[in-house]
Amino acid sequence: MIIPTAEPFFFPGNKTGCLLIHGFTGAPKEMRWMGEYLNREHGFSCLGVRLAGHATRPEDMIRSRYTDWLASVEDGWNLLRGVSDHIFLIGLSMGGILSLVTASRLRACPEGAARRIAGVVVMSTPYKLPDDPRLRWVRQLSWFIPFMPKGSEEPGADWFDQEAFKQHVAYPKNPLRAVGELNQLMVVMHESLPKVRVPALLIHSRNDDYVVKDSMAQIYARLGTSDKQMMWIEGSGHVITEDAQREHVFKAAADFIRRVSI
């Protein structure tokens, strides 16, 4: 059963589609406020997908592979393109990785320019995992250690908006096997970045201690598109779609979508 309030969502609107993709161990809920804003303020059709193995129980994620997560995004794209002329992929953290890989593969649908992927918004997205020699053996280790803690700090310690954290939904621990899948997905992203030819907006918080610090610059430098920009914010942790500066993030994404859609 899906965790209450963590269900996928769809807000119908105009012919500009926004496919919102949550992060590793997260849930569609962390993208819901953004979807509500884009739909309410700009009339965009917004679909928030649930990635395979997420928003139920951590044990379900152990059985998921990175190809399942990519398939979840492709399912969302196929659903959304039925009501949209063009689609923007909007991803948080691992959702940003999935957005970039998908953008490199689905640059145009079989019908041609119609219902194409028009651009990507990539938020709080890692270029690589922190250096750790155990990553080489993560699959074998997962047989004996199925889960690992997310960090040494108290949950929510890096959030600036503590009220927002209280409603946040995510697994409390990382399935170790899934960490290995995430690492493999990053290798696929590295190969995909030069093939991303659509406009891209990258957003990252200077207060994000969850992601390797130069990740946004590394992704930006390798993107194949010439229409790309980086945006720094301050006063938010990793989940910038729910934390204190979320309205600035939403507006920046909307401005980018409107510019590209013209």
Protein backbone atom coordinates (compact mmCIF):
# COMPACT_ATOMS: atom_id res chain seq x y z
CA MET A 1 0.00 0.00 0.00
CA ILE A 2 1.19 3.52 -0.82
CA ILE A 3 1.95 5.69 2.20
CA PRO A 4 -0.99 8.10 2.75
CA THR A 5 -0.40 11.52 1.08
CA ALA A 6 2.50 10.04 -0.97
CA GLU A 7 0.40 9.02 -3.97
CA PRO A 8 1.19 10.07 -7.55
CA PHE A 9 -0.81 13.08 -8.74
CA PHE A 10 -2.14 14.69 -11.90
CA PHE A 11 -3.37 18.25 -12.31
CA PRO A 12 -4.89 18.82 -15.79
CA GLY A 13 -4.22 22.12 -17.51
CA ASN A 14 -3.04 23.50 -20.83
CA LYS A 15 -0.90 21.87 -23.52
CA THR A 16 2.38 22.49 -21.66
CA GLY A 17 3.13 19.35 -19.68
CA CYS A 18 5.36 19.06 -16.62
CA LEU A 19 6.54 15.61 -15.55
CA LEU A 20 7.70 15.87 -11.92
CA ILE A 21 10.10 13.20 -10.63
CA HIS A 22 10.99 12.72 -6.98
CA GLY A 23 14.27 11.61 -5.46
CA PHE A 24 15.96 8.51 -4.04
CA THR A 25 13.86 7.00 -1.19
CA GLY A 26 11.43 9.90 -1.60
CA ALA A 27 7.84 10.13 -2.82
CA PRO A 28 5.70 12.17 -5.24
CA LYS A 29 4.72 14.33 -2.28
CA GLU A 30 8.05 16.15 -2.35
CA MET A 31 7.10 17.40 -5.84
CA ARG A 32 3.42 18.06 -5.12
CA TRP A 33 3.71 21.68 -3.98
CA MET A 34 5.68 22.46 -7.11
CA GLY A 35 3.07 20.75 -9.29
CA GLU A 36 0.28 22.66 -7.57
CA TYR A 37 2.10 25.96 -8.14
CA LEU A 38 2.85 25.32 -11.83
CA ASN A 39 -0.75 24.27 -12.43
CA ARG A 40 -2.41 27.01 -10.36
CA GLU A 41 -0.26 29.97 -11.39
CA HIS A 42 0.51 29.03 -15.01
CA GLY A 43 -2.06 26.45 -16.04
CA PHE A 44 0.49 23.75 -16.90
CA SER A 45 -0.61 20.11 -16.90
CA CYS A 46 1.40 18.47 -14.11
CA LEU A 47 1.98 14.78 -13.48
CA GLY A 48 3.95 13.56 -10.46
CA VAL A 49 5.09 9.96 -10.92
CA ARG A 50 5.91 7.40 -8.26
CA LEU A 51 9.16 5.60 -8.96
CA ALA A 52 9.15 1.82 -8.65
CA GLY A 53 9.71 0.62 -5.08
CA HIS A 54 9.08 4.03 -3.52
CA ALA A 55 6.41 5.39 -1.16
CA THR A 56 5.41 1.96 0.16
CA ARG A 57 8.01 0.28 2.40
CA PRO A 58 11.84 0.19 2.23
CA GLU A 59 11.86 -3.56 1.51
CA ASP A 60 10.12 -2.88 -1.82
CA MET A 61 12.98 -0.67 -2.95
CA ILE A 62 15.51 -3.49 -2.52
CA ARG A 63 13.82 -5.31 -5.40
CA SER A 64 13.87 -2.26 -7.70
CA ARG A 65 16.58 -1.67 -10.30
CA TYR A 66 17.58 1.61 -11.90
CA THR A 67 15.97 0.41 -15.14
CA ASP A 68 12.66 0.18 -13.26
CA TRP A 69 13.02 3.81 -12.19
CA LEU A 70 13.68 4.85 -15.78
CA ALA A 71 10.64 2.85 -16.88
CA SER A 72 8.52 4.69 -14.30
CA VAL A 73 9.56 7.99 -15.87
CA GLU A 74 8.88 6.73 -19.39
CA ASP A 75 5.42 5.57 -18.27
CA GLY A 76 4.74 9.07 -16.97
CA TRP A 77 5.93 10.62 -20.24
CA ASN A 78 3.64 8.38 -22.27
CA LEU A 79 0.67 9.29 -20.08
CA LEU A 80 1.39 13.02 -20.16
CA ARG A 81 2.05 13.27 -23.88
CA GLY A 82 -1.57 12.31 -24.50
CA VAL A 83 -2.65 15.73 -23.19
CA SER A 84 0.43 17.86 -23.98
CA ASP A 85 2.08 19.38 -27.04
CA HIS A 86 5.46 19.51 -25.31
CA ILE A 87 6.77 18.19 -22.02
CA PHE A 88 9.29 19.44 -19.46
CA LEU A 89 11.05 16.96 -17.21
CA ILE A 90 11.48 18.32 -13.68
CA GLY A 91 13.52 16.22 -11.28
CA LEU A 92 14.79 16.47 -7.73
CA SER A 93 18.04 14.73 -6.72
CA MET A 94 17.90 11.26 -8.34
CA GLY A 95 14.85 12.56 -10.19
CA GLY A 96 17.20 15.01 -11.87
CA ILE A 97 19.45 12.15 -12.97
CA LEU A 98 16.44 10.31 -14.38
CA SER A 99 15.31 13.50 -16.16
CA LEU A 100 18.67 13.93 -17.88
CA VAL A 101 18.93 10.30 -18.97
CA THR A 102 15.35 10.34 -20.25
CA ALA A 103 15.90 13.63 -22.10
CA SER A 104 18.86 12.09 -23.92
CA ARG A 105 16.74 9.12 -25.03
CA LEU A 106 13.34 10.67 -25.76
CA ARG A 107 14.34 13.87 -27.52
CA ALA A 108 11.40 13.46 -29.88
CA CYS A 109 8.53 11.03 -29.92
CA PRO A 110 7.74 8.94 -33.04
CA GLU A 111 5.30 11.54 -34.34
CA GLY A 112 8.09 14.11 -34.61
CA ALA A 113 8.18 17.52 -32.94
CA ALA A 114 4.74 17.29 -31.35
CA ARG A 115 4.64 16.11 -27.73
CA ARG A 116 8.41 16.32 -27.56
CA ILE A 117 10.59 16.82 -24.51
CA ALA A 118 11.12 20.55 -24.61
CA GLY A 119 13.47 21.03 -21.64
CA VAL A 120 14.67 19.82 -18.26
CA VAL A 121 14.76 21.36 -14.79
CA VAL A 122 17.35 19.61 -12.61
CA MET A 123 17.39 20.32 -8.87
CA SER A 124 19.77 19.21 -6.09
CA THR A 125 21.19 16.57 -8.40
CA PRO A 126 24.43 14.68 -7.65
CA TYR A 127 27.06 14.03 -10.29
CA LYS A 128 28.58 11.22 -8.24
CA LEU A 129 28.36 9.64 -4.82
CA PRO A 130 30.91 10.56 -2.13
CA ASP A 131 34.14 8.58 -2.49
CA ASP A 132 33.84 5.33 -0.57
CA PRO A 133 35.78 2.13 -1.36
CA ARG A 134 32.79 0.08 -0.19
CA LEU A 135 30.86 1.12 -3.33
CA ARG A 136 32.83 -1.47 -5.30
CA TRP A 137 31.35 -4.20 -3.10
CA VAL A 138 27.95 -2.70 -2.36
CA ARG A 139 25.98 -5.51 -3.98
CA GLN A 140 27.82 -8.17 -1.98
CA LEU A 141 27.57 -6.14 1.22
CA SER A 142 23.82 -5.76 0.73
CA TRP A 143 23.40 -9.51 1.22
CA PHE A 144 24.50 -9.07 4.84
CA ILE A 145 23.59 -5.42 5.51
CA PRO A 146 20.27 -4.65 3.78
CA PHE A 147 19.93 -1.08 5.10
CA MET A 148 22.19 1.75 6.15
CA PRO A 149 21.38 5.00 7.99
CA LYS A 150 21.02 8.18 5.98
CA GLY A 151 23.47 10.13 8.12
CA SER A 152 24.71 10.81 11.59
CA GLU A 153 22.54 13.91 12.13
CA GLU A 154 19.03 13.96 13.55
CA PRO A 155 16.45 13.62 10.71
CA GLY A 156 15.49 17.05 9.45
CA ALA A 157 18.52 18.79 10.95
CA ASP A 158 19.45 20.30 7.57
CA TRP A 159 15.96 21.71 6.92
CA PHE A 160 15.41 25.45 7.29
CA ASP A 161 11.61 25.10 7.38
CA GLN A 162 10.91 22.67 10.22
CA GLU A 163 7.14 22.81 9.68
CA ALA A 164 7.64 21.67 6.10
CA PHE A 165 9.84 18.82 7.29
CA LYS A 166 7.04 17.52 9.50
CA GLN A 167 4.94 16.69 6.44
CA HIS A 168 7.83 15.27 4.38
CA VAL A 169 7.53 11.61 3.34
CA ALA A 170 10.60 9.46 2.66
CA TYR A 171 12.06 6.15 3.79
CA PRO A 172 14.02 6.58 7.03
CA LYS A 173 16.92 4.42 5.82
CA ASN A 174 18.76 3.66 2.58
CA PRO A 175 18.45 0.17 1.07
CA LEU A 176 22.08 -0.73 0.37
CA ARG A 177 21.31 -2.64 -2.81
CA ALA A 178 19.49 0.44 -4.12
CA VAL A 179 22.58 2.57 -3.41
CA GLY A 180 24.43 0.31 -5.84
CA GLU A 181 21.67 0.82 -8.42
CA LEU A 182 21.94 4.59 -7.95
CA ASN A 183 25.68 4.38 -8.54
CA GLN A 184 25.07 2.47 -11.78
CA LEU A 185 22.48 5.03 -12.84
CA MET A 186 25.06 7.79 -12.41
CA VAL A 187 27.36 6.01 -14.86
CA VAL A 188 24.50 6.00 -17.37
CA MET A 189 23.97 9.72 -16.72
CA HIS A 190 27.64 10.47 -17.39
CA GLU A 191 27.31 8.80 -20.79
CA SER A 192 24.01 10.60 -21.48
CA LEU A 193 24.96 14.21 -20.65
CA PRO A 194 26.55 15.05 -24.04
CA LYS A 195 23.38 13.75 -25.72
CA VAL A 196 21.10 16.15 -23.82
CA ARG A 197 20.33 18.76 -26.50
CA VAL A 198 17.25 20.41 -24.97
CA PRO A 199 17.34 23.58 -22.82
CA ALA A 200 18.32 22.89 -19.22
CA LEU A 201 17.97 24.76 -15.94
CA LEU A 202 20.07 23.54 -13.01
CA ILE A 203 19.20 24.66 -9.46
CA HIS A 204 21.16 23.88 -6.31
CA SER A 205 21.33 25.15 -2.74
CA ARG A 206 24.62 26.33 -1.28
CA ASN A 207 23.43 24.78 2.01
CA ASP A 208 22.98 21.30 0.54
CA ASP A 209 25.40 19.04 2.42
CA TYR A 210 23.82 15.87 1.07
CA VAL A 211 25.31 16.10 -2.45
CA VAL A 212 28.97 16.37 -3.48
CA LYS A 213 29.59 20.11 -3.70
CA ASP A 214 30.69 20.55 -7.33
CA SER A 215 27.92 18.36 -8.76
CA MET A 216 25.98 21.14 -10.50
CA ALA A 217 29.12 22.49 -12.20
CA GLN A 218 30.14 18.99 -13.31
CA ILE A 219 26.75 18.33 -14.87
CA TYR A 220 26.61 21.78 -16.48
CA ALA A 221 30.04 21.40 -18.09
CA ARG A 222 29.12 18.09 -19.75
CA LEU A 223 25.65 18.92 -21.06
CA GLY A 224 25.38 18.81 -24.84
CA THR A 225 22.97 21.74 -25.04
CA SER A 226 24.13 25.34 -25.47
CA ASP A 227 20.95 26.62 -23.79
CA LYS A 228 21.82 25.89 -20.17
CA GLN A 229 21.98 27.88 -16.97
CA MET A 230 22.87 27.38 -13.31
CA MET A 231 21.04 28.94 -10.40
CA TRP A 232 22.22 28.97 -6.78
CA ILE A 233 19.87 29.52 -3.85
CA GLU A 234 20.59 29.91 -0.14
CA GLY A 235 18.53 29.07 2.91
CA SER A 236 17.38 25.58 1.93
CA GLY A 237 18.67 22.08 2.46
CA HIS A 238 18.63 19.26 -0.07
CA VAL A 239 14.86 19.04 -0.65
CA ILE A 240 14.50 22.50 -2.18
CA THR A 241 11.00 21.75 -3.48
CA GLU A 242 9.69 21.70 0.10
CA ASP A 243 12.16 23.75 2.12
CA ALA A 244 12.14 27.46 2.93
CA GLN A 245 13.09 28.85 -0.51
CA ARG A 246 10.71 26.67 -2.50
CA GLU A 247 8.75 29.62 -3.94
CA HIS A 248 11.94 31.00 -5.54
CA VAL A 249 12.61 27.57 -7.05
CA PHE A 250 9.06 27.29 -8.38
CA LYS A 251 9.18 30.75 -9.96
CA ALA A 252 12.56 30.11 -11.59
CA ALA A 253 11.27 26.86 -13.09
CA ALA A 254 8.09 28.55 -14.34
CA ASP A 255 10.05 31.42 -15.92
CA PHE A 256 12.29 28.90 -17.68
CA ILE A 257 9.34 26.88 -18.97
CA ARG A 258 7.55 29.97 -20.24
CA ARG A 259 10.69 31.22 -22.02
CA VAL A 260 11.34 27.90 -23.73
CA SER A 261 7.67 27.37 -24.63
CA ILE A 262 7.39 30.62 -26.59
